[in-house]
Amino acid sequence: MKSNRKITEDDAINIVNLYKEGLSASEIGKMYEVDRRTIMYWIGKYDKDIIRNQRKIEKEKYELIYKEFLKGIPFERLSKKYNVPISSIYRYARKNKGFLREKTLTKYNDVLDDIIKDYENNATIKDISKKFNICEETLNIILVQVGSKDFTGVREAKNRLVKNYFDNLDEHKAYILGIIYSTFKFQNDYGKEESMLVLTVSNKYRYLLDEIGKSIYLTTYPKPIANKRSCYLRVRSPKFIDDLINKFDILGTPKIPNNLIKQFVKGYLEYSCEIKEDVVNIKYKNTGTKDFILEYLAENGIVATKVKSKCAKIEGEENIKSFIKLYN
């Protein structure tokens, strides 16, 4: 709310009294035609104790909420019970409390895979706690921190990856893998030691991210996040990322079974290929992928006429016709 009105000393005293009587800062702001922050500024200036008490009450409230979370009550339910946003609860937990330091988390490295496996096979927190001799509070924090348990604490299939997605590679998965190769980058996951996978495309290719999401997630998948020029999909799964790096060598030369190379290349070209009337441009992220794609094309009688550090060109009428036939 914009206003040219100036708050006088008498106004400020009256504002403090109204606030003490129980009116909210927003309600008082409407009376004086100023925004809530202006009201809080004058309250803080004329009666600092009110602000201190408010902060103390707020802290006690979140302490109570956090204690209930450690007993296994989901953030979602706590949000409704205390009428506070889930994001605020999560922020408090992350900033002030529960998330274990990496040094502490490494103490559980030997059993972490087994804990996650039991949890994803629907074992209860209580049973897992007894089995591994870890208190339920710490167990809840571990599961939230490694990403197996959503920070809302709700156990459901929402936005959960297909388990061991790449264990049985077929034509469709090879095609999806090709799209991933052409759109991926690894990015630090907000102060965590491990990285997350980020798939980025220009907005007109958003449908490719939807296609990936529908394939690698169970029933629902995270909505791709868009800005003016591009959109992206984040994937936070150590197993999924480990398979990409170690099983398929996404950072080097692709390791794809011979019978699935055609589908992989087709998926890769969905985003990395631009077909014009007199030239085909193919982009690539690294030398290994470049050599792999160009070698496959050469085996099918298609020769790149110009090869640069980040792009190859296919020119010539017959060359382009052969490429389109292979691509389709």
C-alpha atoms as a PDB file:
ATOM      1  CA  MET A   1       0.000   0.000   0.000  1.00  0.00           C
ATOM      2  CA  LYS A   2       1.517   3.264  -1.117  1.00  0.00           C
ATOM      3  CA  SER A   3       0.772   6.483   0.725  1.00  0.00           C
ATOM      4  CA  ASN A   4       2.314   9.908   1.194  1.00  0.00           C
ATOM      5  CA  ARG A   5       0.960  10.101   4.683  1.00  0.00           C
ATOM      6  CA  LYS A   6       3.523  10.858   7.386  1.00  0.00           C
ATOM      7  CA  ILE A   7       3.225   9.223  10.782  1.00  0.00           C
ATOM      8  CA  THR A   8       3.371  11.795  13.596  1.00  0.00           C
ATOM      9  CA  GLU A   9       4.501  11.116  17.146  1.00  0.00           C
ATOM     10  CA  ASP A  10       0.873  11.062  18.314  1.00  0.00           C
ATOM     11  CA  ASP A  11       0.053   8.587  15.520  1.00  0.00           C
ATOM     12  CA  ALA A  12       2.944   6.369  16.584  1.00  0.00           C
ATOM     13  CA  ILE A  13       1.798   6.274  20.233  1.00  0.00           C
ATOM     14  CA  ASN A  14      -1.722   5.456  19.104  1.00  0.00           C
ATOM     15  CA  ILE A  15      -0.420   2.705  16.797  1.00  0.00           C
ATOM     16  CA  VAL A  16       1.456   1.072  19.695  1.00  0.00           C
ATOM     17  CA  ASN A  17      -1.673   1.181  21.878  1.00  0.00           C
ATOM     18  CA  LEU A  18      -3.845  -0.326  19.111  1.00  0.00           C
ATOM     19  CA  TYR A  19      -1.306  -3.091  18.609  1.00  0.00           C
ATOM     20  CA  LYS A  20      -1.281  -3.838  22.364  1.00  0.00           C
ATOM     21  CA  GLU A  21      -5.076  -4.033  22.265  1.00  0.00           C
ATOM     22  CA  GLY A  22      -4.856  -6.866  19.758  1.00  0.00           C
ATOM     23  CA  LEU A  23      -5.195  -5.275  16.322  1.00  0.00           C
ATOM     24  CA  SER A  24      -2.836  -6.709  13.713  1.00  0.00           C
ATOM     25  CA  ALA A  25      -0.233  -4.572  11.934  1.00  0.00           C
ATOM     26  CA  SER A  26      -2.141  -5.060   8.667  1.00  0.00           C
ATOM     27  CA  GLU A  27      -5.395  -3.802  10.192  1.00  0.00           C
ATOM     28  CA  ILE A  28      -3.674  -0.755  11.690  1.00  0.00           C
ATOM     29  CA  GLY A  29      -1.925  -0.137   8.353  1.00  0.00           C
ATOM     30  CA  LYS A  30      -5.290   0.129   6.609  1.00  0.00           C
ATOM     31  CA  MET A  31      -6.447   2.692   9.168  1.00  0.00           C
ATOM     32  CA  TYR A  32      -3.386   4.873   8.548  1.00  0.00           C
ATOM     33  CA  GLU A  33      -3.075   4.085   4.822  1.00  0.00           C
ATOM     34  CA  VAL A  34       0.431   2.665   5.123  1.00  0.00           C
ATOM     35  CA  ASP A  35       1.811  -0.843   4.744  1.00  0.00           C
ATOM     36  CA  ARG A  36       2.415  -3.396   7.482  1.00  0.00           C
ATOM     37  CA  ARG A  37       6.182  -2.841   7.536  1.00  0.00           C
ATOM     38  CA  THR A  38       5.730   0.858   8.263  1.00  0.00           C
ATOM     39  CA  ILE A  39       3.501   0.003  11.233  1.00  0.00           C
ATOM     40  CA  MET A  40       6.046  -2.515  12.570  1.00  0.00           C
ATOM     41  CA  TYR A  41       8.794   0.073  12.178  1.00  0.00           C
ATOM     42  CA  TRP A  42       6.955   2.579  14.406  1.00  0.00           C
ATOM     43  CA  ILE A  43       5.991  -0.074  16.926  1.00  0.00           C
ATOM     44  CA  GLY A  44       9.646  -1.153  17.150  1.00  0.00           C
ATOM     45  CA  LYS A  45      10.788   2.446  17.496  1.00  0.00           C
ATOM     46  CA  TYR A  46       8.419   3.369  20.326  1.00  0.00           C
ATOM     47  CA  ASP A  47       8.170   0.031  22.142  1.00  0.00           C
ATOM     48  CA  LYS A  48      11.033  -2.395  21.505  1.00  0.00           C
ATOM     49  CA  ASP A  49       9.735  -4.804  24.146  1.00  0.00           C
ATOM     50  CA  ILE A  50       6.738  -5.670  21.968  1.00  0.00           C
ATOM     51  CA  ILE A  51       9.016  -6.759  19.121  1.00  0.00           C
ATOM     52  CA  ARG A  52      11.282  -8.708  21.492  1.00  0.00           C
ATOM     53  CA  ASN A  53       8.299 -10.486  23.045  1.00  0.00           C
ATOM     54  CA  GLN A  54       6.861 -11.237  19.625  1.00  0.00           C
ATOM     55  CA  ARG A  55      10.132 -12.792  18.466  1.00  0.00           C
ATOM     56  CA  LYS A  56      10.326 -14.822  21.668  1.00  0.00           C
ATOM     57  CA  ILE A  57       6.767 -16.114  21.195  1.00  0.00           C
ATOM     58  CA  GLU A  58       7.512 -16.909  17.556  1.00  0.00           C
ATOM     59  CA  LYS A  59      10.657 -18.837  18.490  1.00  0.00           C
ATOM     60  CA  GLU A  60       8.831 -20.822  21.185  1.00  0.00           C
ATOM     61  CA  LYS A  61       6.116 -21.641  18.687  1.00  0.00           C
ATOM     62  CA  TYR A  62       8.583 -23.034  16.132  1.00  0.00           C
ATOM     63  CA  GLU A  63      10.451 -24.925  18.863  1.00  0.00           C
ATOM     64  CA  LEU A  64       7.182 -26.653  19.747  1.00  0.00           C
ATOM     65  CA  ILE A  65       6.426 -27.381  16.082  1.00  0.00           C
ATOM     66  CA  TYR A  66       9.887 -28.823  15.561  1.00  0.00           C
ATOM     67  CA  LYS A  67       9.611 -31.092  18.603  1.00  0.00           C
ATOM     68  CA  GLU A  68       6.356 -32.466  17.204  1.00  0.00           C
ATOM     69  CA  PHE A  69       8.041 -33.076  13.848  1.00  0.00           C
ATOM     70  CA  LEU A  70      10.775 -35.096  15.568  1.00  0.00           C
ATOM     71  CA  LYS A  71       8.049 -37.322  16.989  1.00  0.00           C
ATOM     72  CA  GLY A  72       7.032 -38.137  13.414  1.00  0.00           C
ATOM     73  CA  ILE A  73       4.221 -35.630  12.772  1.00  0.00           C
ATOM     74  CA  PRO A  74       4.469 -34.418   9.132  1.00  0.00           C
ATOM     75  CA  PHE A  75       5.205 -30.762   8.400  1.00  0.00           C
ATOM     76  CA  GLU A  76       2.015 -30.644   6.347  1.00  0.00           C
ATOM     77  CA  ARG A  77      -0.163 -31.485   9.359  1.00  0.00           C
ATOM     78  CA  LEU A  78       1.794 -29.144  11.621  1.00  0.00           C
ATOM     79  CA  SER A  79       1.298 -26.352   9.100  1.00  0.00           C
ATOM     80  CA  LYS A  80      -2.477 -26.742   9.310  1.00  0.00           C
ATOM     81  CA  LYS A  81      -2.482 -27.175  13.083  1.00  0.00           C
ATOM     82  CA  TYR A  82      -0.469 -24.005  13.819  1.00  0.00           C
ATOM     83  CA  ASN A  83      -1.562 -22.029  10.743  1.00  0.00           C
ATOM     84  CA  VAL A  84       1.962 -21.351   9.499  1.00  0.00           C
ATOM     85  CA  PRO A  85       3.433 -21.996   6.012  1.00  0.00           C
ATOM     86  CA  ILE A  86       5.244 -25.301   5.466  1.00  0.00           C
ATOM     87  CA  SER A  87       8.146 -23.345   3.963  1.00  0.00           C
ATOM     88  CA  SER A  88       8.566 -21.380   7.236  1.00  0.00           C
ATOM     89  CA  ILE A  89       8.689 -24.583   9.288  1.00  0.00           C
ATOM     90  CA  TYR A  90      11.191 -26.096   6.881  1.00  0.00           C
ATOM     91  CA  ARG A  91      13.342 -22.956   6.937  1.00  0.00           C
ATOM     92  CA  TYR A  92      13.402 -22.961  10.755  1.00  0.00           C
ATOM     93  CA  ALA A  93      14.316 -26.639  10.861  1.00  0.00           C
ATOM     94  CA  ARG A  94      17.077 -26.206   8.330  1.00  0.00           C
ATOM     95  CA  LYS A  95      18.521 -23.017   9.786  1.00  0.00           C
ATOM     96  CA  ASN A  96      18.257 -23.708  13.491  1.00  0.00           C
ATOM     97  CA  LYS A  97      17.881 -27.390  14.058  1.00  0.00           C
ATOM     98  CA  GLY A  98      17.583 -30.681  12.408  1.00  0.00           C
ATOM     99  CA  PHE A  99      19.799 -30.971   9.413  1.00  0.00           C
ATOM    100  CA  LEU A 100      22.891 -32.910  10.381  1.00  0.00           C
ATOM    101  CA  ARG A 101      26.353 -31.668   9.527  1.00  0.00           C
ATOM    102  CA  GLU A 102      28.024 -33.717   6.782  1.00  0.00           C
ATOM    103  CA  LYS A 103      30.621 -34.858   9.339  1.00  0.00           C
ATOM    104  CA  THR A 104      27.840 -36.226  11.560  1.00  0.00           C
ATOM    105  CA  LEU A 105      25.946 -37.770   8.661  1.00  0.00           C
ATOM    106  CA  THR A 106      29.017 -39.762   7.578  1.00  0.00           C
ATOM    107  CA  LYS A 107      28.744 -41.750  10.846  1.00  0.00           C
ATOM    108  CA  TYR A 108      25.751 -43.487   9.270  1.00  0.00           C
ATOM    109  CA  ASN A 109      27.354 -44.153   5.857  1.00  0.00           C
ATOM    110  CA  ASP A 110      27.724 -47.900   6.503  1.00  0.00           C
ATOM    111  CA  VAL A 111      24.004 -48.364   7.093  1.00  0.00           C
ATOM    112  CA  LEU A 112      22.550 -45.478   5.076  1.00  0.00           C
ATOM    113  CA  ASP A 113      21.693 -47.567   1.989  1.00  0.00           C
ATOM    114  CA  ASP A 114      19.966 -50.180   4.163  1.00  0.00           C
ATOM    115  CA  ILE A 115      17.996 -47.484   6.028  1.00  0.00           C
ATOM    116  CA  ILE A 116      16.779 -45.948   2.756  1.00  0.00           C
ATOM    117  CA  LYS A 117      15.949 -49.389   1.332  1.00  0.00           C
ATOM    118  CA  ASP A 118      13.873 -50.329   4.405  1.00  0.00           C
ATOM    119  CA  TYR A 119      12.069 -46.973   4.395  1.00  0.00           C
ATOM    120  CA  GLU A 120      11.240 -47.183   0.700  1.00  0.00           C
ATOM    121  CA  ASN A 121       9.949 -50.713   1.273  1.00  0.00           C
ATOM    122  CA  ASN A 122       7.448 -49.183   3.740  1.00  0.00           C
ATOM    123  CA  ALA A 123       9.107 -50.158   7.025  1.00  0.00           C
ATOM    124  CA  THR A 124       7.988 -47.860   9.848  1.00  0.00           C
ATOM    125  CA  ILE A 125      10.287 -45.294  11.443  1.00  0.00           C
ATOM    126  CA  LYS A 126       9.881 -47.166  14.731  1.00  0.00           C
ATOM    127  CA  ASP A 127      11.021 -50.503  13.238  1.00  0.00           C
ATOM    128  CA  ILE A 128      13.986 -48.948  11.405  1.00  0.00           C
ATOM    129  CA  SER A 129      14.969 -47.113  14.597  1.00  0.00           C
ATOM    130  CA  LYS A 130      15.096 -50.374  16.563  1.00  0.00           C
ATOM    131  CA  LYS A 131      16.878 -52.275  13.786  1.00  0.00           C
ATOM    132  CA  PHE A 132      19.752 -49.796  13.441  1.00  0.00           C
ATOM    133  CA  ASN A 133      19.737 -48.502  17.022  1.00  0.00           C
ATOM    134  CA  ILE A 134      19.179 -44.883  15.937  1.00  0.00           C
ATOM    135  CA  CYS A 135      16.686 -42.697  17.765  1.00  0.00           C
ATOM    136  CA  GLU A 136      13.543 -41.820  15.807  1.00  0.00           C
ATOM    137  CA  GLU A 137      14.306 -38.088  15.873  1.00  0.00           C
ATOM    138  CA  THR A 138      17.714 -38.545  14.217  1.00  0.00           C
ATOM    139  CA  LEU A 139      16.267 -41.067  11.762  1.00  0.00           C
ATOM    140  CA  ASN A 140      13.614 -38.573  10.634  1.00  0.00           C
ATOM    141  CA  ILE A 141      16.302 -35.951  10.051  1.00  0.00           C
ATOM    142  CA  ILE A 142      18.504 -38.370   8.091  1.00  0.00           C
ATOM    143  CA  LEU A 143      15.662 -39.401   5.791  1.00  0.00           C
ATOM    144  CA  VAL A 144      14.663 -35.799   5.123  1.00  0.00           C
ATOM    145  CA  GLN A 145      18.257 -34.747   4.543  1.00  0.00           C
ATOM    146  CA  VAL A 146      19.139 -37.493   2.050  1.00  0.00           C
ATOM    147  CA  GLY A 147      15.933 -36.806   0.156  1.00  0.00           C
ATOM    148  CA  SER A 148      14.172 -40.136   0.732  1.00  0.00           C
ATOM    149  CA  LYS A 149      11.519 -38.448   2.841  1.00  0.00           C
ATOM    150  CA  ASP A 150       9.866 -35.296   1.583  1.00  0.00           C
ATOM    151  CA  PHE A 151      10.283 -32.378   4.006  1.00  0.00           C
ATOM    152  CA  THR A 152       6.510 -32.350   4.474  1.00  0.00           C
ATOM    153  CA  GLY A 153       6.996 -35.765   6.078  1.00  0.00           C
ATOM    154  CA  VAL A 154       4.247 -37.302   3.954  1.00  0.00           C
ATOM    155  CA  ARG A 155       4.980 -40.827   2.790  1.00  0.00           C
ATOM    156  CA  GLU A 156       3.445 -41.075  -0.648  1.00  0.00           C
ATOM    157  CA  ALA A 157       4.292 -41.703  -4.280  1.00  0.00           C
ATOM    158  CA  LYS A 158       4.175 -37.995  -5.098  1.00  0.00           C
ATOM    159  CA  ASN A 159       7.251 -36.901  -7.040  1.00  0.00           C
ATOM    160  CA  ARG A 160       9.106 -40.122  -6.303  1.00  0.00           C
ATOM    161  CA  LEU A 161      11.472 -41.593  -8.860  1.00  0.00           C
ATOM    162  CA  VAL A 162      10.948 -45.035 -10.333  1.00  0.00           C
ATOM    163  CA  LYS A 163      13.188 -47.269  -8.262  1.00  0.00           C
ATOM    164  CA  ASN A 164      16.343 -48.478 -10.069  1.00  0.00           C
ATOM    165  CA  TYR A 165      15.095 -46.828 -13.261  1.00  0.00           C
ATOM    166  CA  PHE A 166      18.125 -47.745 -15.359  1.00  0.00           C
ATOM    167  CA  ASP A 167      18.486 -51.374 -14.199  1.00  0.00           C
ATOM    168  CA  ASN A 168      16.582 -52.696 -17.224  1.00  0.00           C
ATOM    169  CA  LEU A 169      17.368 -50.431 -20.155  1.00  0.00           C
ATOM    170  CA  ASP A 170      14.890 -50.718 -23.033  1.00  0.00           C
ATOM    171  CA  GLU A 171      14.243 -48.660 -26.189  1.00  0.00           C
ATOM    172  CA  HIS A 172      12.128 -46.038 -24.425  1.00  0.00           C
ATOM    173  CA  LYS A 173      14.623 -45.603 -21.570  1.00  0.00           C
ATOM    174  CA  ALA A 174      17.473 -45.342 -24.080  1.00  0.00           C
ATOM    175  CA  TYR A 175      15.540 -42.565 -25.842  1.00  0.00           C
ATOM    176  CA  ILE A 176      15.000 -40.754 -22.493  1.00  0.00           C
ATOM    177  CA  LEU A 177      18.686 -41.244 -21.680  1.00  0.00           C
ATOM    178  CA  GLY A 178      19.574 -39.542 -24.972  1.00  0.00           C
ATOM    179  CA  ILE A 179      17.455 -36.491 -24.066  1.00  0.00           C
ATOM    180  CA  ILE A 180      19.107 -36.369 -20.632  1.00  0.00           C
ATOM    181  CA  TYR A 181      22.576 -36.434 -22.252  1.00  0.00           C
ATOM    182  CA  SER A 182      21.702 -33.417 -24.397  1.00  0.00           C
ATOM    183  CA  THR A 183      20.175 -31.306 -21.610  1.00  0.00           C
ATOM    184  CA  PHE A 184      22.089 -32.133 -18.435  1.00  0.00           C
ATOM    185  CA  LYS A 185      24.406 -30.305 -16.091  1.00  0.00           C
ATOM    186  CA  PHE A 186      25.430 -31.037 -12.499  1.00  0.00           C
ATOM    187  CA  GLN A 187      24.989 -28.317  -9.915  1.00  0.00           C
ATOM    188  CA  ASN A 188      25.771 -27.977  -6.201  1.00  0.00           C
ATOM    189  CA  ASP A 189      22.692 -28.776  -4.143  1.00  0.00           C
ATOM    190  CA  TYR A 190      22.514 -25.694  -1.884  1.00  0.00           C
ATOM    191  CA  GLY A 191      25.438 -26.370   0.409  1.00  0.00           C
ATOM    192  CA  LYS A 192      25.168 -30.150   0.417  1.00  0.00           C
ATOM    193  CA  GLU A 193      28.195 -32.243  -0.439  1.00  0.00           C
ATOM    194  CA  GLU A 194      26.474 -34.095  -3.274  1.00  0.00           C
ATOM    195  CA  SER A 195      25.336 -32.559  -6.556  1.00  0.00           C
ATOM    196  CA  MET A 196      21.943 -32.532  -8.187  1.00  0.00           C
ATOM    197  CA  LEU A 197      21.107 -33.153 -11.830  1.00  0.00           C
ATOM    198  CA  VAL A 198      19.585 -30.169 -13.647  1.00  0.00           C
ATOM    199  CA  LEU A 199      18.002 -30.680 -17.083  1.00  0.00           C
ATOM    200  CA  THR A 200      17.614 -27.400 -18.996  1.00  0.00           C
ATOM    201  CA  VAL A 201      15.878 -26.623 -22.296  1.00  0.00           C
ATOM    202  CA  SER A 202      14.583 -23.515 -24.049  1.00  0.00           C
ATOM    203  CA  ASN A 203      10.882 -22.934 -23.389  1.00  0.00           C
ATOM    204  CA  LYS A 204       9.647 -24.282 -26.717  1.00  0.00           C
ATOM    205  CA  TYR A 205      11.161 -27.667 -25.816  1.00  0.00           C
ATOM    206  CA  ARG A 206       9.505 -27.884 -22.413  1.00  0.00           C
ATOM    207  CA  TYR A 207       7.583 -30.956 -23.611  1.00  0.00           C
ATOM    208  CA  LEU A 208      10.880 -32.885 -23.480  1.00  0.00           C
ATOM    209  CA  LEU A 209      11.167 -32.279 -19.721  1.00  0.00           C
ATOM    210  CA  ASP A 210       7.544 -33.395 -19.314  1.00  0.00           C
ATOM    211  CA  GLU A 211       8.403 -36.542 -21.241  1.00  0.00           C
ATOM    212  CA  ILE A 212      11.385 -37.228 -18.966  1.00  0.00           C
ATOM    213  CA  GLY A 213       9.303 -36.523 -15.838  1.00  0.00           C
ATOM    214  CA  LYS A 214       6.530 -38.912 -16.884  1.00  0.00           C
ATOM    215  CA  SER A 215       9.082 -41.631 -17.529  1.00  0.00           C
ATOM    216  CA  ILE A 216      11.418 -41.437 -14.519  1.00  0.00           C
ATOM    217  CA  TYR A 217       8.849 -40.595 -11.809  1.00  0.00           C
ATOM    218  CA  LEU A 218       6.117 -42.880 -10.464  1.00  0.00           C
ATOM    219  CA  THR A 219       2.765 -41.084 -10.595  1.00  0.00           C
ATOM    220  CA  THR A 220       3.524 -37.368 -10.438  1.00  0.00           C
ATOM    221  CA  TYR A 221       6.679 -35.416 -11.201  1.00  0.00           C
ATOM    222  CA  PRO A 222       7.995 -31.963 -10.212  1.00  0.00           C
ATOM    223  CA  LYS A 223       6.759 -29.207 -12.508  1.00  0.00           C
ATOM    224  CA  PRO A 224       9.602 -27.855 -14.670  1.00  0.00           C
ATOM    225  CA  ILE A 225      10.545 -24.381 -13.429  1.00  0.00           C
ATOM    226  CA  ALA A 226      10.431 -21.738 -16.167  1.00  0.00           C
ATOM    227  CA  ASN A 227      11.857 -18.273 -16.678  1.00  0.00           C
ATOM    228  CA  LYS A 228      11.670 -15.983 -19.725  1.00  0.00           C
ATOM    229  CA  ARG A 229      13.987 -18.040 -21.937  1.00  0.00           C
ATOM    230  CA  SER A 230      14.301 -21.529 -20.533  1.00  0.00           C
ATOM    231  CA  CYS A 231      12.930 -24.084 -18.130  1.00  0.00           C
ATOM    232  CA  TYR A 232      14.568 -26.776 -16.054  1.00  0.00           C
ATOM    233  CA  LEU A 233      13.867 -29.926 -14.083  1.00  0.00           C
ATOM    234  CA  ARG A 234      15.896 -30.878 -10.997  1.00  0.00           C
ATOM    235  CA  VAL A 235      16.594 -34.489 -10.028  1.00  0.00           C
ATOM    236  CA  ARG A 236      17.999 -35.223  -6.565  1.00  0.00           C
ATOM    237  CA  SER A 237      18.711 -38.935  -6.445  1.00  0.00           C
ATOM    238  CA  PRO A 238      22.214 -40.223  -5.634  1.00  0.00           C
ATOM    239  CA  LYS A 239      21.413 -43.601  -7.243  1.00  0.00           C
ATOM    240  CA  PHE A 240      20.045 -42.035 -10.442  1.00  0.00           C
ATOM    241  CA  ILE A 241      23.061 -39.701 -10.755  1.00  0.00           C
ATOM    242  CA  ASP A 242      25.510 -42.499  -9.916  1.00  0.00           C
ATOM    243  CA  ASP A 243      24.062 -44.636 -12.731  1.00  0.00           C
ATOM    244  CA  LEU A 244      24.426 -41.779 -15.216  1.00  0.00           C
ATOM    245  CA  ILE A 245      28.062 -41.232 -14.268  1.00  0.00           C
ATOM    246  CA  ASN A 246      29.324 -44.769 -13.648  1.00  0.00           C
ATOM    247  CA  LYS A 247      27.016 -46.986 -15.676  1.00  0.00           C
ATOM    248  CA  PHE A 248      26.595 -44.783 -18.768  1.00  0.00           C
ATOM    249  CA  ASP A 249      29.607 -42.420 -18.455  1.00  0.00           C
ATOM    250  CA  ILE A 250      27.603 -39.236 -19.027  1.00  0.00           C
ATOM    251  CA  LEU A 251      30.751 -37.144 -18.451  1.00  0.00           C
ATOM    252  CA  GLY A 252      32.773 -39.082 -21.043  1.00  0.00           C
ATOM    253  CA  THR A 253      31.944 -41.382 -23.960  1.00  0.00           C
ATOM    254  CA  PRO A 254      28.397 -42.824 -23.701  1.00  0.00           C
ATOM    255  CA  LYS A 255      28.217 -46.528 -22.795  1.00  0.00           C
ATOM    256  CA  ILE A 256      25.097 -47.733 -24.580  1.00  0.00           C
ATOM    257  CA  PRO A 257      24.270 -51.337 -25.611  1.00  0.00           C
ATOM    258  CA  ASN A 258      24.626 -51.723 -29.412  1.00  0.00           C
ATOM    259  CA  ASN A 259      20.968 -52.670 -29.903  1.00  0.00           C
ATOM    260  CA  LEU A 260      19.824 -49.430 -28.219  1.00  0.00           C
ATOM    261  CA  ILE A 261      22.202 -46.891 -29.793  1.00  0.00           C
ATOM    262  CA  LYS A 262      19.673 -45.855 -32.457  1.00  0.00           C
ATOM    263  CA  GLN A 263      17.046 -44.914 -29.828  1.00  0.00           C
ATOM    264  CA  PHE A 264      19.668 -43.175 -27.682  1.00  0.00           C
ATOM    265  CA  VAL A 265      20.862 -41.044 -30.629  1.00  0.00           C
ATOM    266  CA  LYS A 266      17.275 -40.250 -31.585  1.00  0.00           C
ATOM    267  CA  GLY A 267      16.620 -38.979 -28.045  1.00  0.00           C
ATOM    268  CA  TYR A 268      19.877 -37.014 -28.065  1.00  0.00           C
ATOM    269  CA  LEU A 269      19.022 -35.296 -31.344  1.00  0.00           C
ATOM    270  CA  GLU A 270      15.558 -34.225 -30.116  1.00  0.00           C
ATOM    271  CA  TYR A 271      17.143 -31.222 -28.409  1.00  0.00           C
ATOM    272  CA  SER A 272      20.677 -31.044 -29.801  1.00  0.00           C
ATOM    273  CA  CYS A 273      19.783 -31.037 -33.490  1.00  0.00           C
ATOM    274  CA  GLU A 274      18.588 -28.143 -35.658  1.00  0.00           C
ATOM    275  CA  ILE A 275      17.491 -29.026 -39.207  1.00  0.00           C
ATOM    276  CA  LYS A 276      17.524 -26.262 -41.813  1.00  0.00           C
ATOM    277  CA  GLU A 277      17.013 -26.394 -45.555  1.00  0.00           C
ATOM    278  CA  ASP A 278      20.714 -26.536 -46.441  1.00  0.00           C
ATOM    279  CA  VAL A 279      22.394 -27.603 -43.190  1.00  0.00           C
ATOM    280  CA  VAL A 280      21.921 -29.710 -40.059  1.00  0.00           C
ATOM    281  CA  ASN A 281      23.547 -28.393 -36.860  1.00  0.00           C
ATOM    282  CA  ILE A 282      24.305 -30.817 -34.023  1.00  0.00           C
ATOM    283  CA  LYS A 283      25.393 -29.513 -30.606  1.00  0.00           C
ATOM    284  CA  TYR A 284      27.308 -31.540 -28.038  1.00  0.00           C
ATOM    285  CA  LYS A 285      28.585 -31.015 -24.495  1.00  0.00           C
ATOM    286  CA  ASN A 286      31.874 -32.897 -24.524  1.00  0.00           C
ATOM    287  CA  THR A 287      34.352 -34.636 -26.825  1.00  0.00           C
ATOM    288  CA  GLY A 288      33.214 -38.137 -25.817  1.00  0.00           C
ATOM    289  CA  THR A 289      29.616 -37.483 -26.830  1.00  0.00           C
ATOM    290  CA  LYS A 290      30.721 -35.730 -30.043  1.00  0.00           C
ATOM    291  CA  ASP A 291      32.851 -38.704 -31.143  1.00  0.00           C
ATOM    292  CA  PHE A 292      30.098 -41.177 -30.222  1.00  0.00           C
ATOM    293  CA  ILE A 293      27.359 -39.366 -32.202  1.00  0.00           C
ATOM    294  CA  LEU A 294      29.514 -38.593 -35.249  1.00  0.00           C
ATOM    295  CA  GLU A 295      30.845 -42.156 -35.376  1.00  0.00           C
ATOM    296  CA  TYR A 296      27.299 -43.539 -35.343  1.00  0.00           C
ATOM    297  CA  LEU A 297      26.272 -41.164 -38.146  1.00  0.00           C
ATOM    298  CA  ALA A 298      29.372 -42.102 -40.164  1.00  0.00           C
ATOM    299  CA  GLU A 299      28.520 -45.803 -39.822  1.00  0.00           C
ATOM    300  CA  ASN A 300      25.183 -44.932 -41.425  1.00  0.00           C
ATOM    301  CA  GLY A 301      26.767 -43.061 -44.322  1.00  0.00           C
ATOM    302  CA  ILE A 302      26.326 -39.541 -42.910  1.00  0.00           C
ATOM    303  CA  VAL A 303      29.531 -37.501 -42.701  1.00  0.00           C
ATOM    304  CA  ALA A 304      29.890 -34.207 -40.835  1.00  0.00           C
ATOM    305  CA  THR A 305      31.359 -31.585 -43.166  1.00  0.00           C
ATOM    306  CA  LYS A 306      32.440 -29.165 -40.416  1.00  0.00           C
ATOM    307  CA  VAL A 307      33.312 -30.107 -36.841  1.00  0.00           C
ATOM    308  CA  LYS A 308      33.851 -27.378 -34.249  1.00  0.00           C
ATOM    309  CA  SER A 309      34.389 -27.481 -30.483  1.00  0.00           C
ATOM    310  CA  LYS A 310      30.673 -27.345 -29.636  1.00  0.00           C
ATOM    311  CA  CYS A 311      28.887 -28.002 -32.934  1.00  0.00           C
ATOM    312  CA  ALA A 312      29.068 -30.162 -36.052  1.00  0.00           C
ATOM    313  CA  LYS A 313      27.501 -29.379 -39.421  1.00  0.00           C
ATOM    314  CA  ILE A 314      26.052 -31.789 -41.956  1.00  0.00           C
ATOM    315  CA  GLU A 315      25.767 -30.319 -45.433  1.00  0.00           C
ATOM    316  CA  GLY A 316      24.926 -31.567 -48.912  1.00  0.00           C
ATOM    317  CA  GLU A 317      21.541 -32.675 -50.222  1.00  0.00           C
ATOM    318  CA  GLU A 318      22.166 -36.430 -50.060  1.00  0.00           C
ATOM    319  CA  ASN A 319      23.800 -36.162 -46.633  1.00  0.00           C
ATOM    320  CA  ILE A 320      20.831 -34.230 -45.226  1.00  0.00           C
ATOM    321  CA  LYS A 321      18.282 -36.622 -46.797  1.00  0.00           C
ATOM    322  CA  SER A 322      20.084 -39.608 -45.259  1.00  0.00           C
ATOM    323  CA  PHE A 323      20.167 -37.846 -41.891  1.00  0.00           C
ATOM    324  CA  ILE A 324      16.426 -37.045 -41.919  1.00  0.00           C
ATOM    325  CA  LYS A 325      15.637 -40.640 -42.922  1.00  0.00           C
ATOM    326  CA  LEU A 326      17.749 -41.968 -40.047  1.00  0.00           C
ATOM    327  CA  TYR A 327      16.410 -39.366 -37.586  1.00  0.00           C
ATOM    328  CA  ASN A 328      12.778 -40.191 -38.358  1.00  0.00           C
END
